[in-house]
């Protein structure tokens, strides 16, 4: 099953959380670049809410386009990085200063899903629910 179908199953009250995370890790996601006033890339696009940095990620170009429209920013070209969910959580999140997670398809009211910085999603060393001394 693809990631959007797993998200739909979870949002409908069914589905399997472990299967959802597995599909997230196997899926190539589109993560847009943040763009500075001069048009230069300023890293991957994200937002901080509640002390957590959320990277925006999309399952396809159509989901990214809906995000651009929702931001009233559809009149420009959106460059993005295509990256596996596993690579995003295992290699990018450890580079962030503070807790970070992934927000998938955030412009899709009935199809979005948040993957928070918790054990089983991000490496334990960066999970907010794991004691750095080793006790969960």
N, C-alpha and C. Protein backbone atom coordinates (compact mmCIF):
# COMPACT_ATOMS: atom_id res chain seq x y z
N UNK A 1 0.86 -1.18 0.00
CA UNK A 1 0.00 0.00 0.00
C UNK A 1 0.90 1.24 0.00
N UNK A 2 0.50 2.27 -0.72
CA UNK A 2 1.31 3.49 -0.75
C UNK A 2 1.02 4.36 0.48
N UNK A 3 1.89 5.34 0.70
CA UNK A 3 1.81 6.17 1.90
C UNK A 3 0.46 6.88 2.02
N UNK A 4 -0.05 7.44 0.94
CA UNK A 4 -1.33 8.16 1.05
C UNK A 4 -2.46 7.21 1.46
N UNK A 5 -2.42 5.98 1.01
CA UNK A 5 -3.44 5.00 1.42
C UNK A 5 -3.28 4.64 2.89
N UNK A 6 -2.04 4.52 3.36
CA UNK A 6 -1.80 4.23 4.78
C UNK A 6 -2.28 5.39 5.65
N UNK A 7 -2.02 6.61 5.20
CA UNK A 7 -2.50 7.79 5.93
C UNK A 7 -4.02 7.77 6.00
N UNK A 8 -4.67 7.49 4.87
CA UNK A 8 -6.14 7.44 4.83
C UNK A 8 -6.68 6.38 5.79
N UNK A 9 -6.02 5.23 5.84
CA UNK A 9 -6.48 4.15 6.73
C UNK A 9 -6.37 4.57 8.19
N UNK A 10 -5.27 5.20 8.56
CA UNK A 10 -5.09 5.67 9.94
C UNK A 10 -6.11 6.75 10.27
N UNK A 11 -6.31 7.70 9.35
CA UNK A 11 -7.24 8.80 9.60
C UNK A 11 -8.68 8.30 9.68
N UNK A 12 -8.97 7.17 9.05
CA UNK A 12 -10.31 6.58 9.10
C UNK A 12 -10.53 5.75 10.36
N UNK A 13 -9.51 5.64 11.20
CA UNK A 13 -9.65 4.91 12.45
C UNK A 13 -9.17 3.48 12.38
N UNK A 14 -8.66 3.08 11.25
CA UNK A 14 -8.11 1.73 11.10
C UNK A 14 -6.63 1.84 10.83
N UNK A 15 -6.14 0.94 10.05
CA UNK A 15 -4.73 1.00 9.68
C UNK A 15 -3.83 0.50 10.78
N UNK A 16 -2.59 0.39 10.44
CA UNK A 16 -1.58 -0.13 11.35
C UNK A 16 -0.47 0.91 11.46
N UNK A 17 -0.26 1.50 12.66
CA UNK A 17 0.77 2.53 12.81
C UNK A 17 2.16 2.07 12.38
N UNK A 18 2.52 0.83 12.65
CA UNK A 18 3.85 0.34 12.24
C UNK A 18 3.95 0.28 10.72
N UNK A 19 2.88 -0.14 10.06
CA UNK A 19 2.87 -0.18 8.60
C UNK A 19 2.94 1.23 8.04
N UNK A 20 2.26 2.19 8.68
CA UNK A 20 2.31 3.59 8.26
C UNK A 20 3.74 4.13 8.32
N UNK A 21 4.42 3.90 9.43
CA UNK A 21 5.79 4.38 9.58
C UNK A 21 6.70 3.68 8.57
N UNK A 22 6.51 2.40 8.36
CA UNK A 22 7.31 1.68 7.37
C UNK A 22 7.13 2.24 5.98
N UNK A 23 5.91 2.53 5.61
CA UNK A 23 5.63 3.10 4.29
C UNK A 23 6.22 4.51 4.18
N UNK A 24 6.11 5.28 5.25
CA UNK A 24 6.72 6.61 5.28
C UNK A 24 8.22 6.51 5.03
N UNK A 25 8.88 5.58 5.67
CA UNK A 25 10.33 5.44 5.53
C UNK A 25 10.73 5.00 4.12
N UNK A 26 9.88 4.23 3.43
CA UNK A 26 10.18 3.73 2.09
C UNK A 26 9.80 4.69 0.97
N UNK A 27 9.04 5.72 1.29
CA UNK A 27 8.50 6.62 0.27
C UNK A 27 9.47 7.75 -0.06
N UNK A 28 9.61 8.01 -1.36
CA UNK A 28 10.37 9.19 -1.81
C UNK A 28 9.45 10.39 -1.66
N UNK A 29 9.85 11.32 -0.82
CA UNK A 29 9.06 12.52 -0.53
C UNK A 29 9.68 13.73 -1.21
N UNK A 30 8.85 14.70 -1.53
CA UNK A 30 9.32 15.96 -2.10
C UNK A 30 9.37 16.99 -0.97
N UNK A 31 10.55 17.48 -0.67
CA UNK A 31 10.74 18.47 0.39
C UNK A 31 11.20 19.76 -0.27
N UNK A 32 10.37 20.81 -0.25
CA UNK A 32 10.74 22.04 -0.94
C UNK A 32 11.88 22.77 -0.24
N UNK A 33 12.63 23.50 -1.05
CA UNK A 33 13.68 24.35 -0.51
C UNK A 33 13.06 25.67 -0.06
N UNK A 34 13.52 26.18 1.07
CA UNK A 34 13.16 27.54 1.49
C UNK A 34 13.94 28.49 0.59
N UNK A 35 13.29 29.57 0.19
CA UNK A 35 13.91 30.51 -0.74
C UNK A 35 14.01 31.87 -0.08
N UNK A 36 15.22 32.44 -0.12
CA UNK A 36 15.45 33.76 0.44
C UNK A 36 14.93 34.86 -0.47
N UNK A 37 14.95 36.07 0.01
CA UNK A 37 14.48 37.22 -0.77
C UNK A 37 15.23 37.37 -2.08
N UNK A 38 16.49 36.93 -2.10
CA UNK A 38 17.30 37.05 -3.31
C UNK A 38 17.16 35.83 -4.22
N UNK A 39 16.27 34.89 -3.86
CA UNK A 39 16.04 33.71 -4.67
C UNK A 39 16.95 32.54 -4.37
N UNK A 40 17.86 32.70 -3.42
CA UNK A 40 18.78 31.62 -3.08
C UNK A 40 18.10 30.61 -2.15
N UNK A 41 18.60 29.37 -2.20
CA UNK A 41 18.10 28.33 -1.30
C UNK A 41 18.61 28.59 0.10
N UNK A 42 17.73 28.42 1.08
CA UNK A 42 18.09 28.59 2.49
C UNK A 42 17.78 27.33 3.27
N UNK A 43 18.11 26.20 2.71
CA UNK A 43 17.85 24.92 3.36
C UNK A 43 16.48 24.39 3.00
N UNK A 44 16.05 23.38 3.72
CA UNK A 44 14.75 22.77 3.47
C UNK A 44 13.66 23.56 4.16
N UNK A 45 12.51 23.68 3.53
CA UNK A 45 11.40 24.47 4.08
C UNK A 45 10.83 23.77 5.31
N UNK A 46 10.65 24.57 6.35
CA UNK A 46 10.11 24.04 7.60
C UNK A 46 9.46 25.17 8.37
N UNK A 47 8.79 24.81 9.43
CA UNK A 47 8.19 25.78 10.34
C UNK A 47 8.37 25.26 11.76
N UNK A 48 8.45 26.18 12.71
CA UNK A 48 8.56 25.79 14.12
C UNK A 48 7.24 26.07 14.80
N UNK A 49 6.67 25.05 15.40
CA UNK A 49 5.43 25.17 16.16
C UNK A 49 5.57 24.35 17.42
N UNK A 50 5.25 24.95 18.56
CA UNK A 50 5.32 24.24 19.83
C UNK A 50 6.71 23.75 20.16
N UNK A 51 7.73 24.46 19.69
CA UNK A 51 9.10 24.08 19.98
C UNK A 51 9.65 22.96 19.11
N UNK A 52 8.86 22.53 18.12
CA UNK A 52 9.30 21.47 17.21
C UNK A 52 9.43 22.04 15.81
N UNK A 53 10.54 21.74 15.15
CA UNK A 53 10.72 22.12 13.75
C UNK A 53 10.08 21.03 12.89
N UNK A 54 9.14 21.43 12.05
CA UNK A 54 8.43 20.51 11.17
C UNK A 54 8.89 20.74 9.74
N UNK A 55 9.49 19.71 9.14
CA UNK A 55 9.85 19.79 7.73
C UNK A 55 8.61 19.47 6.90
N UNK A 56 8.36 20.31 5.91
CA UNK A 56 7.26 20.06 4.99
C UNK A 56 7.70 19.01 3.98
N UNK A 57 6.88 17.99 3.76
CA UNK A 57 7.17 16.94 2.79
C UNK A 57 5.88 16.56 2.08
N UNK A 58 6.01 16.17 0.82
CA UNK A 58 4.83 15.90 -0.01
C UNK A 58 5.02 14.60 -0.76
N UNK A 59 3.92 13.88 -0.94
CA UNK A 59 3.98 12.58 -1.59
C UNK A 59 4.06 12.68 -3.11
N UNK A 60 3.70 13.83 -3.67
CA UNK A 60 3.79 14.02 -5.12
C UNK A 60 3.76 15.51 -5.44
N UNK A 61 3.99 15.84 -6.70
CA UNK A 61 4.03 17.24 -7.10
C UNK A 61 2.67 17.92 -6.96
N UNK A 62 1.58 17.16 -7.10
CA UNK A 62 0.25 17.74 -6.95
C UNK A 62 0.01 18.19 -5.51
N UNK A 63 0.46 17.40 -4.54
CA UNK A 63 0.32 17.79 -3.13
C UNK A 63 1.16 19.02 -2.84
N UNK A 64 2.34 19.11 -3.43
CA UNK A 64 3.19 20.30 -3.27
C UNK A 64 2.51 21.51 -3.92
N UNK A 65 1.88 21.31 -5.07
CA UNK A 65 1.18 22.42 -5.75
C UNK A 65 0.01 22.92 -4.90
N UNK A 66 -0.72 22.01 -4.24
CA UNK A 66 -1.82 22.44 -3.36
C UNK A 66 -1.29 23.27 -2.20
N UNK A 67 -0.12 22.91 -1.69
CA UNK A 67 0.52 23.67 -0.63
C UNK A 67 0.88 25.07 -1.14
N UNK A 68 1.43 25.15 -2.33
CA UNK A 68 1.80 26.45 -2.91
C UNK A 68 0.56 27.34 -3.07
N UNK A 69 -0.55 26.76 -3.52
CA UNK A 69 -1.80 27.52 -3.67
C UNK A 69 -2.30 27.97 -2.30
N UNK A 70 -2.26 27.09 -1.31
CA UNK A 70 -2.73 27.43 0.04
C UNK A 70 -1.91 28.57 0.64
N UNK A 71 -0.66 28.68 0.25
CA UNK A 71 0.22 29.75 0.74
C UNK A 71 0.13 31.00 -0.14
N UNK A 72 -0.73 30.96 -1.15
CA UNK A 72 -0.84 32.05 -2.12
C UNK A 72 0.52 32.35 -2.75
N UNK A 73 1.24 31.27 -3.06
CA UNK A 73 2.59 31.39 -3.60
C UNK A 73 2.77 30.44 -4.80
N UNK A 74 1.71 30.27 -5.57
CA UNK A 74 1.75 29.32 -6.69
C UNK A 74 2.31 29.92 -7.96
N UNK A 75 2.63 31.21 -7.95
CA UNK A 75 3.10 31.86 -9.17
C UNK A 75 4.60 31.74 -9.38
N UNK A 76 5.29 31.00 -8.53
CA UNK A 76 6.73 30.82 -8.69
C UNK A 76 7.05 29.34 -8.87
N UNK A 77 8.24 29.08 -9.32
CA UNK A 77 8.71 27.71 -9.46
C UNK A 77 9.16 27.21 -8.08
N UNK A 78 8.75 26.03 -7.73
CA UNK A 78 9.11 25.44 -6.44
C UNK A 78 10.14 24.33 -6.68
N UNK A 79 11.35 24.56 -6.23
CA UNK A 79 12.37 23.52 -6.32
C UNK A 79 12.30 22.68 -5.05
N UNK A 80 12.60 21.41 -5.20
CA UNK A 80 12.51 20.51 -4.06
C UNK A 80 13.56 19.42 -4.14
N UNK A 81 13.78 18.81 -3.00
CA UNK A 81 14.66 17.66 -2.87
C UNK A 81 13.77 16.43 -2.81
N UNK A 82 14.07 15.42 -3.61
CA UNK A 82 13.38 14.14 -3.49
C UNK A 82 14.23 13.26 -2.57
N UNK A 83 13.62 12.84 -1.47
CA UNK A 83 14.38 12.11 -0.45
C UNK A 83 13.48 11.07 0.21
N UNK A 84 14.06 9.92 0.50
CA UNK A 84 13.31 8.89 1.22
C UNK A 84 12.98 9.39 2.62
N UNK A 85 11.80 9.02 3.11
CA UNK A 85 11.42 9.38 4.47
C UNK A 85 12.46 8.92 5.47
N UNK A 86 13.03 7.74 5.27
CA UNK A 86 14.05 7.23 6.18
C UNK A 86 15.29 8.13 6.19
N UNK A 87 15.67 8.60 5.03
CA UNK A 87 16.86 9.47 4.94
C UNK A 87 16.57 10.81 5.60
N UNK A 88 15.35 11.30 5.44
CA UNK A 88 14.96 12.57 6.05
C UNK A 88 15.02 12.47 7.57
N UNK A 89 14.49 11.39 8.12
CA UNK A 89 14.48 11.25 9.58
C UNK A 89 15.83 10.84 10.14
N UNK A 90 16.56 9.99 9.43
CA UNK A 90 17.81 9.44 9.97
C UNK A 90 19.04 10.29 9.69
N UNK A 91 19.00 11.11 8.63
CA UNK A 91 20.19 11.89 8.27
C UNK A 91 19.98 13.40 8.40
N UNK A 92 18.79 13.89 8.12
CA UNK A 92 18.55 15.34 8.17
C UNK A 92 18.17 15.78 9.58
N UNK A 93 17.24 15.11 10.19
CA UNK A 93 16.77 15.51 11.53
C UNK A 93 17.91 15.58 12.55
N UNK A 94 18.89 14.67 12.53
CA UNK A 94 20.01 14.81 13.48
C UNK A 94 20.83 16.10 13.29
N UNK A 95 20.69 16.76 12.16
CA UNK A 95 21.43 18.01 11.92
C UNK A 95 20.73 19.23 12.50
N UNK A 96 19.49 19.05 12.96
CA UNK A 96 18.68 20.16 13.45
C UNK A 96 19.00 20.41 14.92
N UNK A 97 19.06 21.68 15.27
CA UNK A 97 19.25 22.05 16.66
C UNK A 97 17.89 22.04 17.35
N UNK A 98 17.59 20.98 18.07
CA UNK A 98 16.30 20.83 18.74
C UNK A 98 15.45 19.76 18.08
N UNK A 99 14.29 19.49 18.66
CA UNK A 99 13.44 18.43 18.13
C UNK A 99 12.86 18.78 16.76
N UNK A 100 12.76 17.76 15.89
CA UNK A 100 12.23 17.97 14.55
C UNK A 100 11.44 16.75 14.10
N UNK A 101 10.40 17.02 13.33
CA UNK A 101 9.57 15.97 12.76
C UNK A 101 9.24 16.32 11.33
N UNK A 102 8.33 15.54 10.75
CA UNK A 102 7.96 15.72 9.35
C UNK A 102 6.45 15.86 9.24
N UNK A 103 6.02 16.89 8.52
CA UNK A 103 4.60 17.13 8.24
C UNK A 103 4.37 16.79 6.77
N UNK A 104 3.59 15.76 6.51
CA UNK A 104 3.35 15.27 5.15
C UNK A 104 2.02 15.79 4.63
N UNK A 105 2.06 16.34 3.41
CA UNK A 105 0.86 16.81 2.70
C UNK A 105 0.00 17.75 3.55
N UNK A 106 0.64 18.75 4.15
CA UNK A 106 -0.06 19.63 5.10
C UNK A 106 -1.19 20.44 4.49
N UNK A 107 -1.25 20.60 3.19
CA UNK A 107 -2.34 21.37 2.59
C UNK A 107 -3.57 20.50 2.31
N UNK A 108 -3.46 19.22 2.56
CA UNK A 108 -4.56 18.29 2.31
C UNK A 108 -5.32 18.03 3.61
N UNK A 109 -6.43 18.71 3.77
CA UNK A 109 -7.18 18.66 5.02
C UNK A 109 -7.46 17.24 5.49
N UNK A 110 -7.80 16.36 4.57
CA UNK A 110 -8.13 14.98 4.95
C UNK A 110 -7.02 13.99 4.62
N UNK A 111 -5.84 14.48 4.23
CA UNK A 111 -4.78 13.57 3.83
C UNK A 111 -3.43 13.89 4.42
N UNK A 112 -3.39 14.78 5.40
CA UNK A 112 -2.11 15.13 6.01
C UNK A 112 -1.79 14.18 7.16
N UNK A 113 -0.51 14.13 7.51
CA UNK A 113 -0.09 13.31 8.64
C UNK A 113 1.21 13.89 9.18
N UNK A 114 1.31 13.93 10.51
CA UNK A 114 2.52 14.40 11.17
C UNK A 114 3.28 13.20 11.70
N UNK A 115 4.59 13.21 11.49
CA UNK A 115 5.48 12.19 12.01
C UNK A 115 6.37 12.89 13.03
N UNK A 116 5.99 12.82 14.32
CA UNK A 116 6.66 13.61 15.36
C UNK A 116 8.03 13.04 15.74
N UNK A 117 8.80 13.83 16.46
CA UNK A 117 10.13 13.39 16.87
C UNK A 117 10.07 12.44 18.08
N UNK A 118 9.57 11.25 17.83
CA UNK A 118 9.47 10.25 18.89
C UNK A 118 10.16 8.97 18.45
N UNK A 119 10.47 8.13 19.43
CA UNK A 119 11.12 6.85 19.17
C UNK A 119 10.30 6.04 18.17
N UNK A 120 10.98 5.42 17.25
CA UNK A 120 10.31 4.63 16.22
C UNK A 120 10.11 5.42 14.93
N UNK A 121 10.22 6.74 15.03
CA UNK A 121 10.13 7.58 13.83
C UNK A 121 11.47 8.24 13.56
N UNK A 122 12.02 8.89 14.56
CA UNK A 122 13.36 9.49 14.43
C UNK A 122 14.34 8.66 15.25
N UNK A 123 15.64 8.80 15.01
CA UNK A 123 16.60 8.07 15.84
C UNK A 123 16.40 8.39 17.32
N UNK A 124 16.54 7.39 18.16
CA UNK A 124 16.30 7.56 19.60
C UNK A 124 17.08 8.72 20.21
N UNK A 125 18.27 8.99 19.72
CA UNK A 125 19.08 10.09 20.26
C UNK A 125 18.42 11.45 20.03
N UNK A 126 17.44 11.52 19.11
CA UNK A 126 16.77 12.78 18.78
C UNK A 126 15.28 12.75 19.10
N UNK A 127 14.84 11.69 19.77
CA UNK A 127 13.42 11.53 20.12
C UNK A 127 13.12 12.22 21.45
N UNK A 128 12.02 12.93 21.50
CA UNK A 128 11.67 13.67 22.72
C UNK A 128 11.12 12.74 23.82
N UNK A 129 10.78 11.51 23.46
CA UNK A 129 10.22 10.60 24.46
C UNK A 129 11.24 9.61 24.99
N UNK A 130 12.52 9.83 24.70
CA UNK A 130 13.57 8.93 25.17
C UNK A 130 14.50 9.72 26.08
N UNK A 131 14.74 9.18 27.25
CA UNK A 131 15.66 9.79 28.21
C UNK A 131 17.08 9.65 27.67
N UNK A 132 17.84 10.73 27.58
CA UNK A 132 19.21 10.63 27.07
C UNK A 132 20.07 9.65 27.84
N UNK A 133 19.70 9.37 29.09
CA UNK A 133 20.46 8.39 29.89
C UNK A 133 20.11 6.97 29.52
N UNK A 134 19.09 6.79 28.65
CA UNK A 134 18.77 5.46 28.18
C UNK A 134 17.43 4.92 28.60
N UNK A 135 16.74 5.55 29.53
CA UNK A 135 15.42 5.07 29.95
C UNK A 135 14.35 5.76 29.13
N UNK A 136 13.41 4.99 28.59
CA UNK A 136 12.32 5.57 27.77
C UNK A 136 11.25 6.12 28.65
